[in-house]
């Protein structure tokens, strides 16, 4: 691995800057390196060759190490069907083959894509998980319509970049963790039911024997409503870009 391609990922165990737990159920885990993935794909018009397909402990998908013609190495998400020795490229003139990145305007309707930008030039933010793929549905005035893995159909600007193909290792979602010890090595601590806790620790706690919640609405450990309360903001600027909701 090149020196710039990875760094040690600090372990924060769900603590904030004051050292207090801000995210529950996180704890000690195996030390990992964070691989710097090229989600931006801003090396335009330079052909690269896939040197290796590697395991990445930070994601379900595999990653591909690419050596570009100018001598630089970068990691990209490894799409399904990408093999060692294959050439990849980013740019408007790139071929429509797995691993190449192009603007949506240059990708034919019906093509599977991943690593999709929300804002042109910001880098891919959508469709990055193992086995994920979005499909270009069509064109509408100045917009490109894309069907996301959730079923949502959304408008994108034509200059938005995406990578051709489906993210590899679709069997990742079928994987079984197998034992509690492996979950601990991943940094995930046990979740304890509120009813099993002390009344000072949780609103559901206390009572003689096995008792229920004992209140009209289930609550979070901090006394807020846990079920039925809407937390989503009513209007979001990007709602107008959604053609069909995922539901």
Protein backbone atom coordinates (compact mmCIF):
# COMPACT_ATOMS: atom_id res chain seq x y z
CA UNK A 1 0.00 0.00 0.00
CA UNK A 2 1.19 3.49 -0.84
CA UNK A 3 1.77 5.82 2.05
CA UNK A 4 -0.98 8.22 1.01
CA UNK A 5 -3.59 5.54 0.42
CA UNK A 6 -4.40 4.86 4.07
CA UNK A 7 -4.16 6.21 7.62
CA UNK A 8 -4.93 4.82 11.07
CA UNK A 9 -8.62 5.24 11.88
CA UNK A 10 -8.90 6.69 15.40
CA UNK A 11 -11.18 4.80 17.80
CA UNK A 12 -13.61 7.15 19.52
CA UNK A 13 -15.95 4.51 21.02
CA UNK A 14 -19.01 6.74 20.63
CA UNK A 15 -17.53 9.55 22.75
CA UNK A 16 -17.71 13.27 21.94
CA UNK A 17 -14.92 15.84 22.42
CA UNK A 18 -15.69 16.02 26.16
CA UNK A 19 -15.26 12.25 26.54
CA UNK A 20 -18.97 11.62 27.21
CA UNK A 21 -20.90 8.85 25.45
CA UNK A 22 -22.83 10.54 22.64
CA UNK A 23 -23.59 7.36 20.65
CA UNK A 24 -24.55 4.32 22.72
CA UNK A 25 -23.50 0.72 22.12
CA UNK A 26 -20.04 1.51 20.75
CA UNK A 27 -16.83 0.33 22.38
CA UNK A 28 -13.39 -1.18 21.83
CA UNK A 29 -12.65 -2.75 18.45
CA UNK A 30 -9.83 -4.04 16.31
CA UNK A 31 -7.42 -1.39 15.07
CA UNK A 32 -8.06 -0.53 11.42
CA UNK A 33 -6.62 1.51 8.62
CA UNK A 34 -8.92 3.90 6.78
CA UNK A 35 -8.39 3.51 3.04
CA UNK A 36 -8.79 6.75 1.12
CA UNK A 37 -11.38 5.91 -1.53
CA UNK A 38 -11.59 8.10 -4.65
CA UNK A 39 -15.31 8.90 -4.63
CA UNK A 40 -14.68 12.11 -6.61
CA UNK A 41 -13.14 10.38 -9.67
CA UNK A 42 -11.57 13.69 -10.72
CA UNK A 43 -8.68 12.11 -12.66
CA UNK A 44 -10.33 12.81 -15.99
CA UNK A 45 -9.01 11.40 -19.25
CA UNK A 46 -6.21 9.40 -17.57
CA UNK A 47 -6.37 5.63 -18.04
CA UNK A 48 -5.69 3.43 -15.03
CA UNK A 49 -5.08 -0.31 -14.66
CA UNK A 50 -6.52 -2.36 -11.79
CA UNK A 51 -3.56 -3.74 -9.82
CA UNK A 52 -5.41 -5.52 -7.00
CA UNK A 53 -8.89 -6.18 -5.62
CA UNK A 54 -8.58 -5.76 -1.82
CA UNK A 55 -10.57 -6.30 1.36
CA UNK A 56 -11.59 -3.14 3.23
CA UNK A 57 -12.62 -3.51 6.91
CA UNK A 58 -14.65 -0.27 6.73
CA UNK A 59 -17.22 -1.46 4.16
CA UNK A 60 -18.99 -4.53 2.83
CA UNK A 61 -17.73 -4.04 -0.72
CA UNK A 62 -14.26 -4.82 -2.02
CA UNK A 63 -12.00 -2.02 -3.27
CA UNK A 64 -9.77 -1.89 -6.33
CA UNK A 65 -6.28 -0.39 -6.33
CA UNK A 66 -5.77 1.47 -9.63
CA UNK A 67 -2.40 2.52 -11.06
CA UNK A 68 -2.83 5.48 -13.42
CA UNK A 69 -0.66 6.29 -16.43
CA UNK A 70 0.96 9.24 -14.55
CA UNK A 71 2.18 6.88 -11.78
CA UNK A 72 -0.44 7.79 -9.14
CA UNK A 73 -2.32 5.04 -7.30
CA UNK A 74 -5.89 5.39 -6.01
CA UNK A 75 -8.58 3.16 -4.53
CA UNK A 76 -12.04 2.95 -6.09
CA UNK A 77 -15.07 0.83 -5.15
CA UNK A 78 -14.81 -2.47 -7.01
CA UNK A 79 -17.90 -2.96 -9.20
CA UNK A 80 -19.24 -6.40 -10.10
CA UNK A 81 -17.16 -7.97 -12.89
CA UNK A 82 -14.08 -5.76 -12.47
CA UNK A 83 -10.93 -7.89 -12.69
CA UNK A 84 -7.21 -7.35 -12.13
CA UNK A 85 -5.59 -6.00 -15.30
CA UNK A 86 -8.73 -4.20 -16.54
CA UNK A 87 -8.50 -0.54 -17.59
CA UNK A 88 -10.68 2.14 -15.97
CA UNK A 89 -11.16 5.79 -16.85
CA UNK A 90 -13.18 8.84 -15.81
CA UNK A 91 -14.37 11.50 -18.22
CA UNK A 92 -17.00 12.35 -20.82
CA UNK A 93 -15.37 10.17 -23.50
CA UNK A 94 -14.96 7.04 -21.33
CA UNK A 95 -16.57 3.78 -22.52
CA UNK A 96 -19.76 2.50 -20.86
CA UNK A 97 -18.10 -0.37 -18.98
CA UNK A 98 -18.02 -1.26 -15.27
CA UNK A 99 -15.65 0.95 -13.29
CA UNK A 100 -15.66 3.93 -15.67
CA UNK A 101 -17.06 7.24 -14.37
CA UNK A 102 -19.04 9.60 -16.63
CA UNK A 103 -21.56 12.45 -16.34
CA UNK A 104 -25.17 11.18 -16.27
CA UNK A 105 -25.83 12.96 -19.59
CA UNK A 106 -23.37 10.56 -21.30
CA UNK A 107 -24.76 7.32 -19.80
CA UNK A 108 -27.57 5.56 -21.75
CA UNK A 109 -31.02 5.02 -20.23
CA UNK A 110 -31.32 1.64 -18.48
CA UNK A 111 -27.66 1.49 -17.41
CA UNK A 112 -26.83 0.39 -13.85
CA UNK A 113 -24.71 2.93 -11.94
CA UNK A 114 -23.21 3.46 -8.48
CA UNK A 115 -21.13 6.06 -6.56
CA UNK A 116 -23.58 8.76 -7.62
CA UNK A 117 -23.03 12.44 -6.82
CA UNK A 118 -25.79 14.54 -5.26
CA UNK A 119 -24.02 17.82 -6.05
CA UNK A 120 -21.80 18.00 -9.17
CA UNK A 121 -18.12 18.08 -8.20
CA UNK A 122 -18.69 16.97 -4.59
CA UNK A 123 -17.94 13.28 -5.13
CA UNK A 124 -20.18 10.23 -4.94
CA UNK A 125 -22.48 10.12 -1.91
CA UNK A 126 -25.23 7.72 -2.99
CA UNK A 127 -25.30 4.01 -3.96
CA UNK A 128 -21.97 2.95 -2.42
CA UNK A 129 -22.89 -0.15 -0.37
CA UNK A 130 -22.07 -3.73 -1.34
CA UNK A 131 -24.40 -4.98 -4.09
CA UNK A 132 -26.07 -1.58 -4.59
CA UNK A 133 -27.05 -0.25 -8.01
CA UNK A 134 -29.21 2.60 -9.30
CA UNK A 135 -30.73 2.69 -12.80
CA UNK A 136 -31.06 5.65 -15.17
CA UNK A 137 -34.80 5.86 -15.90
CA UNK A 138 -34.99 8.64 -18.46
CA UNK A 139 -34.72 12.37 -19.16
CA UNK A 140 -37.09 15.19 -18.23
CA UNK A 141 -36.31 18.71 -19.54
CA UNK A 142 -32.89 19.56 -18.03
CA UNK A 143 -32.99 16.68 -15.50
CA UNK A 144 -31.87 13.04 -15.56
CA UNK A 145 -34.23 10.66 -13.72
CA UNK A 146 -32.53 7.96 -11.64
CA UNK A 147 -34.20 5.10 -9.77
CA UNK A 148 -32.29 4.55 -6.51
CA UNK A 149 -31.98 1.15 -4.74
CA UNK A 150 -34.76 2.17 -2.31
CA UNK A 151 -37.22 2.50 -5.22
CA UNK A 152 -37.20 6.31 -5.07
CA UNK A 153 -37.03 8.08 -8.44
CA UNK A 154 -35.12 11.33 -8.22
CA UNK A 155 -33.98 14.16 -10.52
CA UNK A 156 -30.26 14.82 -11.00
CA UNK A 157 -28.37 17.43 -13.01
CA UNK A 158 -26.86 16.06 -16.25
CA UNK A 159 -23.30 17.05 -15.24
CA UNK A 160 -23.53 14.88 -12.11
CA UNK A 161 -20.94 12.07 -12.21
CA UNK A 162 -21.63 8.40 -11.54
CA UNK A 163 -19.68 5.17 -12.03
CA UNK A 164 -21.00 2.50 -14.39
CA UNK A 165 -21.97 -0.90 -12.95
CA UNK A 166 -23.25 -2.45 -9.72
CA UNK A 167 -21.12 -2.40 -6.58
CA UNK A 168 -19.57 -5.84 -6.14
CA UNK A 169 -20.02 -8.45 -3.42
CA UNK A 170 -23.82 -8.44 -3.37
CA UNK A 171 -23.72 -11.51 -1.07
CA UNK A 172 -22.54 -9.24 1.79
CA UNK A 173 -26.15 -8.76 2.98
CA UNK A 174 -26.50 -12.53 3.46
CA UNK A 175 -23.44 -12.74 5.70
CA UNK A 176 -23.97 -13.94 9.28
CA UNK A 177 -21.84 -12.46 12.02
CA UNK A 178 -21.90 -15.84 13.77
CA UNK A 179 -21.00 -15.01 17.36
CA UNK A 180 -21.10 -12.19 19.90
CA UNK A 181 -17.30 -11.98 20.03
CA UNK A 182 -17.05 -10.95 16.40
CA UNK A 183 -19.56 -8.16 17.01
CA UNK A 184 -17.38 -6.91 19.88
CA UNK A 185 -14.33 -6.90 17.58
CA UNK A 186 -16.39 -4.70 15.24
CA UNK A 187 -16.83 -2.22 18.09
CA UNK A 188 -20.52 -2.97 18.75
CA UNK A 189 -21.43 -3.32 22.45
CA UNK A 190 -24.56 -5.05 23.81
CA UNK A 191 -27.95 -3.29 23.78
CA UNK A 192 -29.85 -3.70 27.07
CA UNK A 193 -33.67 -3.45 27.11
CA UNK A 194 -35.07 -0.51 29.01
CA UNK A 195 -37.39 -2.75 31.08
CA UNK A 196 -34.34 -4.71 32.30
CA UNK A 197 -32.69 -1.55 33.66
CA UNK A 198 -32.83 0.41 36.89
CA UNK A 199 -35.49 3.19 37.13
CA UNK A 200 -32.68 5.75 37.56
CA UNK A 201 -31.11 4.60 34.30
CA UNK A 202 -34.19 4.29 32.06
CA UNK A 203 -37.85 5.42 32.20
CA UNK A 204 -38.96 1.82 31.54
CA UNK A 205 -36.93 0.46 34.46
CA UNK A 206 -38.11 -0.84 37.86
CA UNK A 207 -41.16 -2.83 38.90
CA UNK A 208 -41.46 -6.15 40.69
CA UNK A 209 -40.56 -9.19 38.59
CA UNK A 210 -40.86 -9.03 34.83
CA UNK A 211 -42.91 -5.92 34.18
CA UNK A 212 -43.84 -3.98 31.07
CA UNK A 213 -43.16 -0.38 30.10
CA UNK A 214 -45.79 0.86 32.59
CA UNK A 215 -46.61 4.10 30.74
CA UNK A 216 -48.78 5.22 27.84
CA UNK A 217 -45.94 5.69 25.33
CA UNK A 218 -42.53 4.01 25.17
CA UNK A 219 -39.72 6.45 25.93
CA UNK A 220 -36.06 6.86 25.11
CA UNK A 221 -33.50 6.73 27.96
CA UNK A 222 -33.81 10.54 28.08
CA UNK A 223 -37.59 10.57 28.51
CA UNK A 224 -38.58 11.55 24.94
CA UNK A 225 -41.28 9.65 23.00
CA UNK A 226 -39.80 6.65 21.19
CA UNK A 227 -42.72 5.55 18.99
CA UNK A 228 -45.11 7.50 16.79
CA UNK A 229 -43.44 10.87 17.22
CA UNK A 230 -42.39 12.39 13.91
CA UNK A 231 -38.83 13.69 13.90
CA UNK A 232 -38.49 14.46 10.19
CA UNK A 233 -38.58 18.11 9.18
CA UNK A 234 -41.77 18.88 7.23
CA UNK A 235 -40.14 20.52 4.20
CA UNK A 236 -36.70 19.96 2.75
CA UNK A 237 -35.21 21.91 -0.16
CA UNK A 238 -34.54 18.73 -2.11
CA UNK A 239 -38.13 17.40 -1.87
CA UNK A 240 -38.87 19.01 -5.24
CA UNK A 241 -36.25 16.71 -6.83
CA UNK A 242 -38.13 13.55 -5.79
CA UNK A 243 -40.41 12.30 -8.58
CA UNK A 244 -41.60 9.16 -6.79
CA UNK A 245 -41.15 8.39 -3.09
CA UNK A 246 -39.59 5.12 -1.97
CA UNK A 247 -42.88 4.16 -0.28
